[in-house]
Amino acid sequence: EGGDTHPPNPNDFVMLPAIQTFRIGVDSALVVSSNADLDEQPNFWVTLGTQAASETMIQRYETTNAIYLDYLNEGLSKAVPTLVRRADNRIYETATGRMIINLAVSRIFFDTNIDALTIQSGYEHHPVTGVSWCGADSYCIAYGLRLPSEAEWEIATKGDSASWNYTWGRTVDQGDPTGGRARANFVDSGDPFP
C-alpha cells in the first residue's frame, strides 16, 4: 500500500490508460447546459505520443498533509534553506521567490507553542490544501517528478472512457441521487468535504 513520506514510492503510481487520441474541452453549444467554464471551449482533439500513452505514470493518491509537511520541513531545515516562511503566513522558494503554500488556507500551520510547522489534528492523511501551482511544481521537482499535462490529467480522470466528462459518467449526477454532491466538491455542491 502507498503512503511513503519520501516520494517517489513506486506503489503510489499507476499507468495512464493507453488512450492516444481523444477530445478535450466542451462543445461551445453545451457550455451553459454543462456548467462548463468559458475557458473549457472549444473542444479539440489531443494526440499523445506513444510514450505518453503507454509509459506515463501518475500518482494514485493525492499528496497528503503529512507528506507535504515532510517536504516543507526538509526545505526549511537544509543548511542552505530552499524554502523560507515569511510573516504573511506563506512559504516561498528562496531562489525564485515563488509562493509555495498559503498556510492561512491549509491544514498545515505554524504552531508558535512548539516553534514548528504542524498539521491540524485529524487531517494528517487528508489531501494538502493551500498549495500554489508553483508549490506543486517545486514538490515534484524535489522528488524527480513532474506535474501532468492537461491532456494527461484528462486521461487520468476519465480512465478508459475518454468521452466521459467525469470519472463516473457523462454528467455530474449520473447514477447519483445526491446530484453529484456525494462525488465531488464543486460550486453550489454544499461542500460535502469540509
C-alpha atoms as a PDB file:
ATOM      1  CA  GLU A   1       0.000   0.000   0.000  1.00  0.00           C
ATOM      2  CA  GLY A   2       1.204   3.557  -0.647  1.00  0.00           C
ATOM      3  CA  GLY A   3       1.804   6.454   1.673  1.00  0.00           C
ATOM      4  CA  ASP A   4       5.600   6.578   1.823  1.00  0.00           C
ATOM      5  CA  THR A   5       6.537  10.002   3.178  1.00  0.00           C
ATOM      6  CA  HIS A   6       9.553  10.188   0.892  1.00  0.00           C
ATOM      7  CA  PRO A   7       8.303  10.033  -2.708  1.00  0.00           C
ATOM      8  CA  PRO A   8       8.531   8.528  -5.157  1.00  0.00           C
ATOM      9  CA  ASN A   9       7.186   5.230  -3.840  1.00  0.00           C
ATOM     10  CA  PRO A  10       6.564   3.062  -6.941  1.00  0.00           C
ATOM     11  CA  ASN A  11       3.435   1.620  -5.287  1.00  0.00           C
ATOM     12  CA  ASP A  12       1.869   5.107  -5.246  1.00  0.00           C
ATOM     13  CA  PHE A  13       1.772   5.367  -9.059  1.00  0.00           C
ATOM     14  CA  VAL A  14      -0.426   3.861 -11.754  1.00  0.00           C
ATOM     15  CA  MET A  15      -0.052   3.681 -15.524  1.00  0.00           C
ATOM     16  CA  LEU A  16      -2.273   6.007 -17.531  1.00  0.00           C
ATOM     17  CA  PRO A  17      -4.741   4.225 -19.821  1.00  0.00           C
ATOM     18  CA  ALA A  18      -3.322   3.783 -23.327  1.00  0.00           C
ATOM     19  CA  ILE A  19      -5.614   6.327 -24.991  1.00  0.00           C
ATOM     20  CA  GLN A  20      -3.694   8.197 -27.661  1.00  0.00           C
ATOM     21  CA  THR A  21      -6.297  10.472 -29.272  1.00  0.00           C
ATOM     22  CA  PHE A  22      -9.343  11.988 -27.619  1.00  0.00           C
ATOM     23  CA  ARG A  23     -11.368  15.203 -27.366  1.00  0.00           C
ATOM     24  CA  ILE A  24     -10.649  17.685 -24.609  1.00  0.00           C
ATOM     25  CA  GLY A  25     -12.828  20.628 -23.579  1.00  0.00           C
ATOM     26  CA  VAL A  26     -16.537  21.252 -24.082  1.00  0.00           C
ATOM     27  CA  ASP A  27     -18.578  21.854 -27.217  1.00  0.00           C
ATOM     28  CA  SER A  28     -19.476  25.566 -27.307  1.00  0.00           C
ATOM     29  CA  ALA A  29     -23.179  24.719 -27.563  1.00  0.00           C
ATOM     30  CA  LEU A  30     -23.024  22.774 -24.282  1.00  0.00           C
ATOM     31  CA  VAL A  31     -21.240  25.341 -22.097  1.00  0.00           C
ATOM     32  CA  VAL A  32     -24.405  26.642 -20.423  1.00  0.00           C
ATOM     33  CA  SER A  33     -26.097  23.269 -20.015  1.00  0.00           C
ATOM     34  CA  SER A  34     -22.965  21.505 -18.720  1.00  0.00           C
ATOM     35  CA  ASN A  35     -21.916  24.168 -16.190  1.00  0.00           C
ATOM     36  CA  ALA A  36     -18.595  24.375 -18.016  1.00  0.00           C
ATOM     37  CA  ASP A  37     -16.450  27.481 -17.847  1.00  0.00           C
ATOM     38  CA  LEU A  38     -15.826  29.569 -20.957  1.00  0.00           C
ATOM     39  CA  ASP A  39     -12.134  28.610 -20.898  1.00  0.00           C
ATOM     40  CA  GLU A  40     -13.141  24.966 -21.461  1.00  0.00           C
ATOM     41  CA  GLN A  41     -14.229  25.667 -25.036  1.00  0.00           C
ATOM     42  CA  PRO A  42     -13.946  24.977 -27.823  1.00  0.00           C
ATOM     43  CA  ASN A  43     -13.275  21.280 -27.571  1.00  0.00           C
ATOM     44  CA  PHE A  44     -10.459  19.926 -29.699  1.00  0.00           C
ATOM     45  CA  TRP A  45      -8.608  16.712 -30.468  1.00  0.00           C
ATOM     46  CA  VAL A  46      -5.476  15.893 -28.464  1.00  0.00           C
ATOM     47  CA  THR A  47      -2.978  13.261 -29.531  1.00  0.00           C
ATOM     48  CA  LEU A  48      -0.426  11.990 -27.071  1.00  0.00           C
ATOM     49  CA  GLY A  49       2.797  10.425 -28.238  1.00  0.00           C
ATOM     50  CA  THR A  50       3.290   6.672 -27.977  1.00  0.00           C
ATOM     51  CA  GLN A  51       5.469   7.054 -24.881  1.00  0.00           C
ATOM     52  CA  ALA A  52       2.935   9.263 -23.117  1.00  0.00           C
ATOM     53  CA  ALA A  53       0.124   6.843 -23.829  1.00  0.00           C
ATOM     54  CA  SER A  54       1.975   3.688 -22.858  1.00  0.00           C
ATOM     55  CA  GLU A  55       4.507   4.664 -20.192  1.00  0.00           C
ATOM     56  CA  THR A  56       3.208   7.679 -18.288  1.00  0.00           C
ATOM     57  CA  MET A  57       2.613   7.088 -14.611  1.00  0.00           C
ATOM     58  CA  ILE A  58       0.520   9.281 -12.344  1.00  0.00           C
ATOM     59  CA  GLN A  59       0.303   9.363  -8.579  1.00  0.00           C
ATOM     60  CA  ARG A  60      -2.587   7.176  -7.409  1.00  0.00           C
ATOM     61  CA  TYR A  61      -3.421   9.235  -4.316  1.00  0.00           C
ATOM     62  CA  GLU A  62      -3.459  12.930  -3.559  1.00  0.00           C
ATOM     63  CA  THR A  63      -0.405  14.240  -1.726  1.00  0.00           C
ATOM     64  CA  THR A  64      -1.353  14.303   1.945  1.00  0.00           C
ATOM     65  CA  ASN A  65      -0.679  16.984   4.526  1.00  0.00           C
ATOM     66  CA  ALA A  66       1.825  14.644   6.228  1.00  0.00           C
ATOM     67  CA  ILE A  67       3.800  14.031   3.034  1.00  0.00           C
ATOM     68  CA  TYR A  68       3.793  17.718   2.054  1.00  0.00           C
ATOM     69  CA  LEU A  69       4.829  18.726   5.580  1.00  0.00           C
ATOM     70  CA  ASP A  70       7.882  16.453   5.259  1.00  0.00           C
ATOM     71  CA  TYR A  71       8.768  18.252   2.020  1.00  0.00           C
ATOM     72  CA  LEU A  72       8.355  21.662   3.686  1.00  0.00           C
ATOM     73  CA  ASN A  73      10.394  20.696   6.740  1.00  0.00           C
ATOM     74  CA  GLU A  74      13.160  19.314   4.552  1.00  0.00           C
ATOM     75  CA  GLY A  75      13.325  22.531   2.521  1.00  0.00           C
ATOM     76  CA  LEU A  76      13.206  24.764   5.616  1.00  0.00           C
ATOM     77  CA  SER A  77      15.852  22.827   7.567  1.00  0.00           C
ATOM     78  CA  LYS A  78      18.632  22.424   4.988  1.00  0.00           C
ATOM     79  CA  ALA A  79      21.989  24.055   5.751  1.00  0.00           C
ATOM     80  CA  VAL A  80      21.149  26.421   2.886  1.00  0.00           C
ATOM     81  CA  PRO A  81      17.330  26.503   3.063  1.00  0.00           C
ATOM     82  CA  THR A  82      15.470  26.154  -0.216  1.00  0.00           C
ATOM     83  CA  LEU A  83      12.254  27.418   1.419  1.00  0.00           C
ATOM     84  CA  VAL A  84      11.509  30.298   3.767  1.00  0.00           C
ATOM     85  CA  ARG A  85       8.439  31.104   5.923  1.00  0.00           C
ATOM     86  CA  ARG A  86       7.538  34.788   5.918  1.00  0.00           C
ATOM     87  CA  ALA A  87       5.379  36.953   8.154  1.00  0.00           C
ATOM     88  CA  ASP A  88       2.485  36.844   5.648  1.00  0.00           C
ATOM     89  CA  ASN A  89       1.847  33.204   6.730  1.00  0.00           C
ATOM     90  CA  ARG A  90       3.140  31.829   3.441  1.00  0.00           C
ATOM     91  CA  ILE A  91       6.171  29.781   2.464  1.00  0.00           C
ATOM     92  CA  TYR A  92       8.302  30.784  -0.515  1.00  0.00           C
ATOM     93  CA  GLU A  93      11.191  29.336  -2.522  1.00  0.00           C
ATOM     94  CA  THR A  94      14.379  31.145  -1.596  1.00  0.00           C
ATOM     95  CA  ALA A  95      15.894  31.028  -5.096  1.00  0.00           C
ATOM     96  CA  THR A  96      12.876  32.214  -7.110  1.00  0.00           C
ATOM     97  CA  GLY A  97      10.590  33.904  -4.598  1.00  0.00           C
ATOM     98  CA  ARG A  98       7.689  31.755  -5.822  1.00  0.00           C
ATOM     99  CA  MET A  99       4.931  31.270  -3.242  1.00  0.00           C
ATOM    100  CA  ILE A 100       4.703  27.576  -2.318  1.00  0.00           C
ATOM    101  CA  ILE A 101       1.851  27.353   0.185  1.00  0.00           C
ATOM    102  CA  ASN A 102      -0.565  29.743   1.851  1.00  0.00           C
ATOM    103  CA  LEU A 103      -0.800  28.459   5.412  1.00  0.00           C
ATOM    104  CA  ALA A 104      -3.917  30.586   6.045  1.00  0.00           C
ATOM    105  CA  VAL A 105      -5.980  28.223   3.859  1.00  0.00           C
ATOM    106  CA  SER A 106      -4.181  24.986   4.715  1.00  0.00           C
ATOM    107  CA  ARG A 107      -4.452  22.388   7.476  1.00  0.00           C
ATOM    108  CA  ILE A 108      -0.678  22.852   7.876  1.00  0.00           C
ATOM    109  CA  PHE A 109       0.122  25.741  10.187  1.00  0.00           C
ATOM    110  CA  PHE A 110       2.953  27.251  12.186  1.00  0.00           C
ATOM    111  CA  ASP A 111       2.481  26.393  15.875  1.00  0.00           C
ATOM    112  CA  THR A 112       4.121  29.090  17.988  1.00  0.00           C
ATOM    113  CA  ASN A 113       3.992  26.823  21.066  1.00  0.00           C
ATOM    114  CA  ILE A 114       6.439  24.368  19.521  1.00  0.00           C
ATOM    115  CA  ASP A 115       8.029  26.806  17.042  1.00  0.00           C
ATOM    116  CA  ALA A 116       7.421  24.456  14.111  1.00  0.00           C
ATOM    117  CA  LEU A 117       5.043  23.616  11.313  1.00  0.00           C
ATOM    118  CA  THR A 118       2.420  21.061  12.249  1.00  0.00           C
ATOM    119  CA  ILE A 119      -0.891  19.677  10.956  1.00  0.00           C
ATOM    120  CA  GLN A 120      -4.342  20.239  12.396  1.00  0.00           C
ATOM    121  CA  SER A 121      -5.174  17.083  14.330  1.00  0.00           C
ATOM    122  CA  GLY A 122      -7.126  14.541  12.323  1.00  0.00           C
ATOM    123  CA  TYR A 123      -6.037  15.930   8.925  1.00  0.00           C
ATOM    124  CA  GLU A 124      -2.652  14.228   8.574  1.00  0.00           C
ATOM    125  CA  HIS A 125      -3.850  11.901   5.801  1.00  0.00           C
ATOM    126  CA  HIS A 126      -6.177  14.370   4.057  1.00  0.00           C
ATOM    127  CA  PRO A 127      -5.099  15.950   0.747  1.00  0.00           C
ATOM    128  CA  VAL A 128      -2.920  19.021   1.253  1.00  0.00           C
ATOM    129  CA  THR A 129      -4.619  22.373   0.538  1.00  0.00           C
ATOM    130  CA  GLY A 130      -3.372  25.916   0.070  1.00  0.00           C
ATOM    131  CA  VAL A 131      -0.582  24.811  -2.277  1.00  0.00           C
ATOM    132  CA  SER A 132       0.054  27.010  -5.308  1.00  0.00           C
ATOM    133  CA  TRP A 133       0.835  25.632  -8.757  1.00  0.00           C
ATOM    134  CA  CYS A 134       4.434  26.658  -8.062  1.00  0.00           C
ATOM    135  CA  GLY A 135       4.304  24.712  -4.792  1.00  0.00           C
ATOM    136  CA  ALA A 136       3.098  21.585  -6.566  1.00  0.00           C
ATOM    137  CA  ASP A 137       5.764  22.049  -9.239  1.00  0.00           C
ATOM    138  CA  SER A 138       8.545  22.535  -6.647  1.00  0.00           C
ATOM    139  CA  TYR A 139       7.389  19.454  -4.740  1.00  0.00           C
ATOM    140  CA  CYS A 140       7.523  17.382  -7.930  1.00  0.00           C
ATOM    141  CA  ILE A 141      10.961  18.689  -8.896  1.00  0.00           C
ATOM    142  CA  ALA A 142      12.319  17.956  -5.404  1.00  0.00           C
ATOM    143  CA  TYR A 143      11.435  14.271  -5.856  1.00  0.00           C
ATOM    144  CA  GLY A 144      12.330  13.887  -9.547  1.00  0.00           C
ATOM    145  CA  LEU A 145       8.705  14.046 -10.690  1.00  0.00           C
ATOM    146  CA  ARG A 146       6.672  16.446 -12.837  1.00  0.00           C
ATOM    147  CA  LEU A 147       3.101  17.685 -12.938  1.00  0.00           C
ATOM    148  CA  PRO A 148       0.904  16.022 -15.565  1.00  0.00           C
ATOM    149  CA  SER A 149      -0.006  17.904 -18.723  1.00  0.00           C
ATOM    150  CA  GLU A 150      -3.637  18.932 -19.178  1.00  0.00           C
ATOM    151  CA  ALA A 151      -4.150  16.028 -21.571  1.00  0.00           C
ATOM    152  CA  GLU A 152      -2.553  13.511 -19.186  1.00  0.00           C
ATOM    153  CA  TRP A 153      -4.752  14.812 -16.363  1.00  0.00           C
ATOM    154  CA  GLU A 154      -7.871  14.435 -18.536  1.00  0.00           C
ATOM    155  CA  ILE A 155      -6.933  10.825 -19.320  1.00  0.00           C
ATOM    156  CA  ALA A 156      -6.218  10.095 -15.654  1.00  0.00           C
ATOM    157  CA  THR A 157      -9.574  11.454 -14.533  1.00  0.00           C
ATOM    158  CA  LYS A 158     -11.598   9.771 -17.270  1.00  0.00           C
ATOM    159  CA  GLY A 159      -9.834   6.432 -17.283  1.00  0.00           C
ATOM    160  CA  ASP A 160     -10.720   4.254 -20.250  1.00  0.00           C
ATOM    161  CA  SER A 161     -13.796   6.336 -21.088  1.00  0.00           C
ATOM    162  CA  ALA A 162     -12.343   9.363 -22.873  1.00  0.00           C
ATOM    163  CA  SER A 163     -15.805  10.548 -23.930  1.00  0.00           C
ATOM    164  CA  TRP A 164     -16.950  10.993 -20.335  1.00  0.00           C
ATOM    165  CA  ASN A 165     -16.930  14.421 -18.690  1.00  0.00           C
ATOM    166  CA  TYR A 166     -16.356  12.903 -15.226  1.00  0.00           C
ATOM    167  CA  THR A 167     -14.676   9.749 -13.967  1.00  0.00           C
ATOM    168  CA  TRP A 168     -18.092   8.194 -13.283  1.00  0.00           C
ATOM    169  CA  GLY A 169     -20.016   9.254 -16.407  1.00  0.00           C
ATOM    170  CA  ARG A 170     -21.115  11.949 -18.802  1.00  0.00           C
ATOM    171  CA  THR A 171     -22.897  14.156 -16.236  1.00  0.00           C
ATOM    172  CA  VAL A 172     -22.041  15.205 -12.694  1.00  0.00           C
ATOM    173  CA  ASP A 173     -25.130  13.470 -11.309  1.00  0.00           C
ATOM    174  CA  GLN A 174     -25.151  10.312 -13.462  1.00  0.00           C
ATOM    175  CA  GLY A 175     -26.237   7.458 -11.181  1.00  0.00           C
ATOM    176  CA  ASP A 176     -26.014   9.652  -8.056  1.00  0.00           C
ATOM    177  CA  PRO A 177     -29.228  10.519  -6.196  1.00  0.00           C
ATOM    178  CA  THR A 178     -27.465  13.469  -4.491  1.00  0.00           C
ATOM    179  CA  GLY A 179     -26.976  15.293  -7.803  1.00  0.00           C
ATOM    180  CA  GLY A 180     -23.231  14.639  -7.784  1.00  0.00           C
ATOM    181  CA  ARG A 181     -22.646  16.222  -4.384  1.00  0.00           C
ATOM    182  CA  ALA A 182     -21.545  12.906  -2.879  1.00  0.00           C
ATOM    183  CA  ARG A 183     -18.870  12.520  -5.559  1.00  0.00           C
ATOM    184  CA  ALA A 184     -17.301  15.937  -5.990  1.00  0.00           C
ATOM    185  CA  ASN A 185     -16.869  19.307  -4.371  1.00  0.00           C
ATOM    186  CA  PHE A 186     -17.964  21.965  -6.870  1.00  0.00           C
ATOM    187  CA  VAL A 187     -19.660  25.376  -6.879  1.00  0.00           C
ATOM    188  CA  ASP A 188     -23.036  25.112  -5.108  1.00  0.00           C
ATOM    189  CA  SER A 189     -22.377  21.472  -4.152  1.00  0.00           C
ATOM    190  CA  GLY A 190     -22.899  22.149  -0.469  1.00  0.00           C
ATOM    191  CA  ASP A 191     -19.214  21.396   0.253  1.00  0.00           C
ATOM    192  CA  PRO A 192     -19.519  17.757   1.316  1.00  0.00           C
ATOM    193  CA  PHE A 193     -15.779  17.574   2.062  1.00  0.00           C
ATOM    194  CA  PRO A 194     -15.031  20.239   4.718  1.00  0.00           C
END
